[in-house]
Amino acid sequence: MTDRARAEFTVCNQTLDVVNLAVGQEVREAADAFWQTEGWWTVGANQCVNVIRDELVNRYVYVYATDVFGQPLLNGSTSMCVGTRRFVIRGDKDCWVRGHKAAPFFEVDTQKTERWTLFLGTGGLQ
């Protein structure tokens, strides 16, 4: 048995404040494909968290990060759903109707690699 490196998507908070984080990606099950968002991870100052622990199957991963006051840290343009507490949400349409909030997720191009680390700084990405 060979030990394979674990594929993952990691986000590192290089700010001096706590960051709240949600991620979105396309999920494929059988013949069905849909968008799914998941959150919240609370990431302390100068800490990292593995938000996707499975093999990265999508080139693009979407990230929504806020400061402790709920202000977005990234200039995202892809609307997806978030919840007020820990959540896993299928679908990116009709967020309000389904009891969620629409949020502007930032698109991260992982360039089809197995692992990716995103660094968040005071002014956004580092």
C-alpha atoms as a PDB file:
ATOM      1  CA  MET A   1       0.000   0.000   0.000  1.00  0.00           C
ATOM      2  CA  THR A   2       1.387   3.395  -0.970  1.00  0.00           C
ATOM      3  CA  ASP A   3       0.987   6.516   1.103  1.00  0.00           C
ATOM      4  CA  ARG A   4      -0.498   9.146  -1.131  1.00  0.00           C
ATOM      5  CA  ALA A   5      -0.366  12.807  -0.208  1.00  0.00           C
ATOM      6  CA  ARG A   6      -3.749  14.004   0.947  1.00  0.00           C
ATOM      7  CA  ALA A   7      -5.406  16.369  -1.518  1.00  0.00           C
ATOM      8  CA  GLU A   8      -6.899  19.426   0.102  1.00  0.00           C
ATOM      9  CA  PHE A   9      -7.957  23.053  -0.126  1.00  0.00           C
ATOM     10  CA  THR A  10      -6.563  25.092   2.757  1.00  0.00           C
ATOM     11  CA  VAL A  11      -7.257  28.687   3.732  1.00  0.00           C
ATOM     12  CA  CYS A  12      -4.758  30.586   5.892  1.00  0.00           C
ATOM     13  CA  ASN A  13      -5.785  33.709   7.773  1.00  0.00           C
ATOM     14  CA  GLN A  14      -2.866  36.134   7.778  1.00  0.00           C
ATOM     15  CA  THR A  15      -4.872  38.978   9.290  1.00  0.00           C
ATOM     16  CA  LEU A  16      -4.802  40.060  12.930  1.00  0.00           C
ATOM     17  CA  ASP A  17      -8.502  39.240  13.361  1.00  0.00           C
ATOM     18  CA  VAL A  18     -10.767  36.200  13.324  1.00  0.00           C
ATOM     19  CA  VAL A  19     -12.181  35.302   9.896  1.00  0.00           C
ATOM     20  CA  ASN A  20     -15.439  33.432   9.201  1.00  0.00           C
ATOM     21  CA  LEU A  21     -15.255  31.306   6.097  1.00  0.00           C
ATOM     22  CA  ALA A  22     -17.575  29.460   3.699  1.00  0.00           C
ATOM     23  CA  VAL A  23     -16.715  27.524   0.521  1.00  0.00           C
ATOM     24  CA  GLY A  24     -18.675  26.504  -2.550  1.00  0.00           C
ATOM     25  CA  GLN A  25     -18.045  24.011  -5.313  1.00  0.00           C
ATOM     26  CA  GLU A  26     -19.801  21.944  -7.918  1.00  0.00           C
ATOM     27  CA  VAL A  27     -20.775  18.472  -6.675  1.00  0.00           C
ATOM     28  CA  ARG A  28     -21.501  15.535  -8.966  1.00  0.00           C
ATOM     29  CA  GLU A  29     -23.595  12.573  -7.836  1.00  0.00           C
ATOM     30  CA  ALA A  30     -24.441   9.944 -10.445  1.00  0.00           C
ATOM     31  CA  ALA A  31     -25.848  11.875 -13.425  1.00  0.00           C
ATOM     32  CA  ASP A  32     -26.704  14.955 -11.331  1.00  0.00           C
ATOM     33  CA  ALA A  33     -24.506  18.027 -10.814  1.00  0.00           C
ATOM     34  CA  PHE A  34     -25.292  20.915  -8.475  1.00  0.00           C
ATOM     35  CA  TRP A  35     -23.633  23.739  -6.544  1.00  0.00           C
ATOM     36  CA  GLN A  36     -23.054  23.203  -2.850  1.00  0.00           C
ATOM     37  CA  THR A  37     -21.865  25.624  -0.196  1.00  0.00           C
ATOM     38  CA  GLU A  38     -20.596  24.790   3.267  1.00  0.00           C
ATOM     39  CA  GLY A  39     -19.619  26.889   6.277  1.00  0.00           C
ATOM     40  CA  TRP A  40     -18.800  28.315   8.721  1.00  0.00           C
ATOM     41  CA  TRP A  41     -15.219  27.805   9.700  1.00  0.00           C
ATOM     42  CA  THR A  42     -13.865  30.262  12.242  1.00  0.00           C
ATOM     43  CA  VAL A  43     -10.179  30.843  11.577  1.00  0.00           C
ATOM     44  CA  GLY A  44      -8.062  32.644  14.166  1.00  0.00           C
ATOM     45  CA  ALA A  45      -5.322  35.148  13.352  1.00  0.00           C
ATOM     46  CA  ASN A  46      -2.324  33.468  11.709  1.00  0.00           C
ATOM     47  CA  GLN A  47      -4.129  30.100  11.587  1.00  0.00           C
ATOM     48  CA  CYS A  48      -4.967  27.754   8.696  1.00  0.00           C
ATOM     49  CA  VAL A  49      -7.898  25.384   8.173  1.00  0.00           C
ATOM     50  CA  ASN A  50      -8.460  22.556   5.660  1.00  0.00           C
ATOM     51  CA  VAL A  51     -11.908  23.323   4.255  1.00  0.00           C
ATOM     52  CA  ILE A  52     -11.931  20.618   1.574  1.00  0.00           C
ATOM     53  CA  ARG A  53     -10.314  17.370   2.672  1.00  0.00           C
ATOM     54  CA  ASP A  54     -11.236  15.334  -0.403  1.00  0.00           C
ATOM     55  CA  GLU A  55      -9.461  15.199  -3.728  1.00  0.00           C
ATOM     56  CA  LEU A  56      -9.955  18.464  -5.594  1.00  0.00           C
ATOM     57  CA  VAL A  57     -12.097  17.483  -8.554  1.00  0.00           C
ATOM     58  CA  ASN A  58     -13.046  21.022  -9.582  1.00  0.00           C
ATOM     59  CA  ARG A  59     -10.665  23.539 -11.039  1.00  0.00           C
ATOM     60  CA  TYR A  60     -12.634  26.343  -9.393  1.00  0.00           C
ATOM     61  CA  VAL A  61     -13.441  26.613  -5.693  1.00  0.00           C
ATOM     62  CA  TYR A  62     -15.480  29.530  -4.374  1.00  0.00           C
ATOM     63  CA  VAL A  63     -14.705  31.273  -1.089  1.00  0.00           C
ATOM     64  CA  TYR A  64     -16.673  33.745   1.020  1.00  0.00           C
ATOM     65  CA  ALA A  65     -14.798  35.243   3.966  1.00  0.00           C
ATOM     66  CA  THR A  66     -15.950  37.868   6.445  1.00  0.00           C
ATOM     67  CA  ASP A  67     -14.393  39.693   9.359  1.00  0.00           C
ATOM     68  CA  VAL A  68     -15.869  39.608  12.873  1.00  0.00           C
ATOM     69  CA  PHE A  69     -18.285  42.404  11.879  1.00  0.00           C
ATOM     70  CA  GLY A  70     -19.652  40.418   8.926  1.00  0.00           C
ATOM     71  CA  GLN A  71     -17.883  42.537   6.302  1.00  0.00           C
ATOM     72  CA  PRO A  72     -16.627  40.595   3.242  1.00  0.00           C
ATOM     73  CA  LEU A  73     -12.843  40.317   2.919  1.00  0.00           C
ATOM     74  CA  LEU A  74     -12.798  39.270  -0.744  1.00  0.00           C
ATOM     75  CA  ASN A  75     -14.293  41.015  -3.751  1.00  0.00           C
ATOM     76  CA  GLY A  76     -16.418  38.131  -5.003  1.00  0.00           C
ATOM     77  CA  SER A  77     -18.898  38.151  -7.862  1.00  0.00           C
ATOM     78  CA  THR A  78     -20.411  34.645  -7.845  1.00  0.00           C
ATOM     79  CA  SER A  79     -23.670  34.576  -5.906  1.00  0.00           C
ATOM     80  CA  MET A  80     -24.191  31.496  -3.720  1.00  0.00           C
ATOM     81  CA  CYS A  81     -26.142  30.760  -0.548  1.00  0.00           C
ATOM     82  CA  VAL A  82     -24.927  30.946   3.051  1.00  0.00           C
ATOM     83  CA  GLY A  83     -26.634  30.198   6.346  1.00  0.00           C
ATOM     84  CA  THR A  84     -26.479  32.058   9.636  1.00  0.00           C
ATOM     85  CA  ARG A  85     -25.072  29.033  11.488  1.00  0.00           C
ATOM     86  CA  ARG A  86     -23.138  25.934  10.421  1.00  0.00           C
ATOM     87  CA  PHE A  87     -24.568  24.837   7.069  1.00  0.00           C
ATOM     88  CA  VAL A  88     -24.382  22.650   3.983  1.00  0.00           C
ATOM     89  CA  ILE A  89     -26.637  24.047   1.250  1.00  0.00           C
ATOM     90  CA  ARG A  90     -27.396  22.370  -2.080  1.00  0.00           C
ATOM     91  CA  GLY A  91     -28.114  24.754  -4.923  1.00  0.00           C
ATOM     92  CA  ASP A  92     -27.233  28.391  -5.542  1.00  0.00           C
ATOM     93  CA  LYS A  93     -30.658  29.736  -6.582  1.00  0.00           C
ATOM     94  CA  ASP A  94     -33.520  31.227  -4.573  1.00  0.00           C
ATOM     95  CA  CYS A  95     -31.451  31.661  -1.419  1.00  0.00           C
ATOM     96  CA  TRP A  96     -33.969  33.942   0.344  1.00  0.00           C
ATOM     97  CA  VAL A  97     -36.951  31.751  -0.553  1.00  0.00           C
ATOM     98  CA  ARG A  98     -35.188  28.751   1.000  1.00  0.00           C
ATOM     99  CA  GLY A  99     -34.324  30.642   4.204  1.00  0.00           C
ATOM    100  CA  HIS A 100     -30.711  31.510   3.355  1.00  0.00           C
ATOM    101  CA  LYS A 101     -28.768  34.619   2.373  1.00  0.00           C
ATOM    102  CA  ALA A 102     -27.096  35.233  -0.988  1.00  0.00           C
ATOM    103  CA  ALA A 103     -23.403  36.110  -0.680  1.00  0.00           C
ATOM    104  CA  PRO A 104     -20.731  37.133  -3.227  1.00  0.00           C
ATOM    105  CA  PHE A 105     -18.217  34.253  -3.362  1.00  0.00           C
ATOM    106  CA  PHE A 106     -14.728  34.783  -4.764  1.00  0.00           C
ATOM    107  CA  GLU A 107     -13.605  32.382  -7.511  1.00  0.00           C
ATOM    108  CA  VAL A 108     -10.277  30.626  -6.863  1.00  0.00           C
ATOM    109  CA  ASP A 109      -8.580  28.961  -9.824  1.00  0.00           C
ATOM    110  CA  THR A 110      -6.724  25.950  -8.380  1.00  0.00           C
ATOM    111  CA  GLN A 111      -5.212  25.240 -11.805  1.00  0.00           C
ATOM    112  CA  LYS A 112      -6.307  21.599 -11.483  1.00  0.00           C
ATOM    113  CA  THR A 113      -3.769  20.857  -8.740  1.00  0.00           C
ATOM    114  CA  GLU A 114      -4.389  18.298  -5.975  1.00  0.00           C
ATOM    115  CA  ARG A 115      -3.687  20.814  -3.193  1.00  0.00           C
ATOM    116  CA  TRP A 116      -4.223  24.531  -2.943  1.00  0.00           C
ATOM    117  CA  THR A 117      -3.611  27.044  -0.168  1.00  0.00           C
ATOM    118  CA  LEU A 118      -5.329  30.427  -0.200  1.00  0.00           C
ATOM    119  CA  PHE A 119      -3.784  33.170   1.933  1.00  0.00           C
ATOM    120  CA  LEU A 120      -6.101  35.885   3.278  1.00  0.00           C
ATOM    121  CA  GLY A 121      -4.555  39.171   4.359  1.00  0.00           C
ATOM    122  CA  THR A 122      -5.809  42.506   5.636  1.00  0.00           C
ATOM    123  CA  GLY A 123      -6.458  43.818   2.126  1.00  0.00           C
ATOM    124  CA  GLY A 124      -7.888  40.565   0.782  1.00  0.00           C
ATOM    125  CA  LEU A 125      -5.610  37.997  -0.861  1.00  0.00           C
ATOM    126  CA  GLN A 126      -1.868  37.820  -0.157  1.00  0.00           C
END
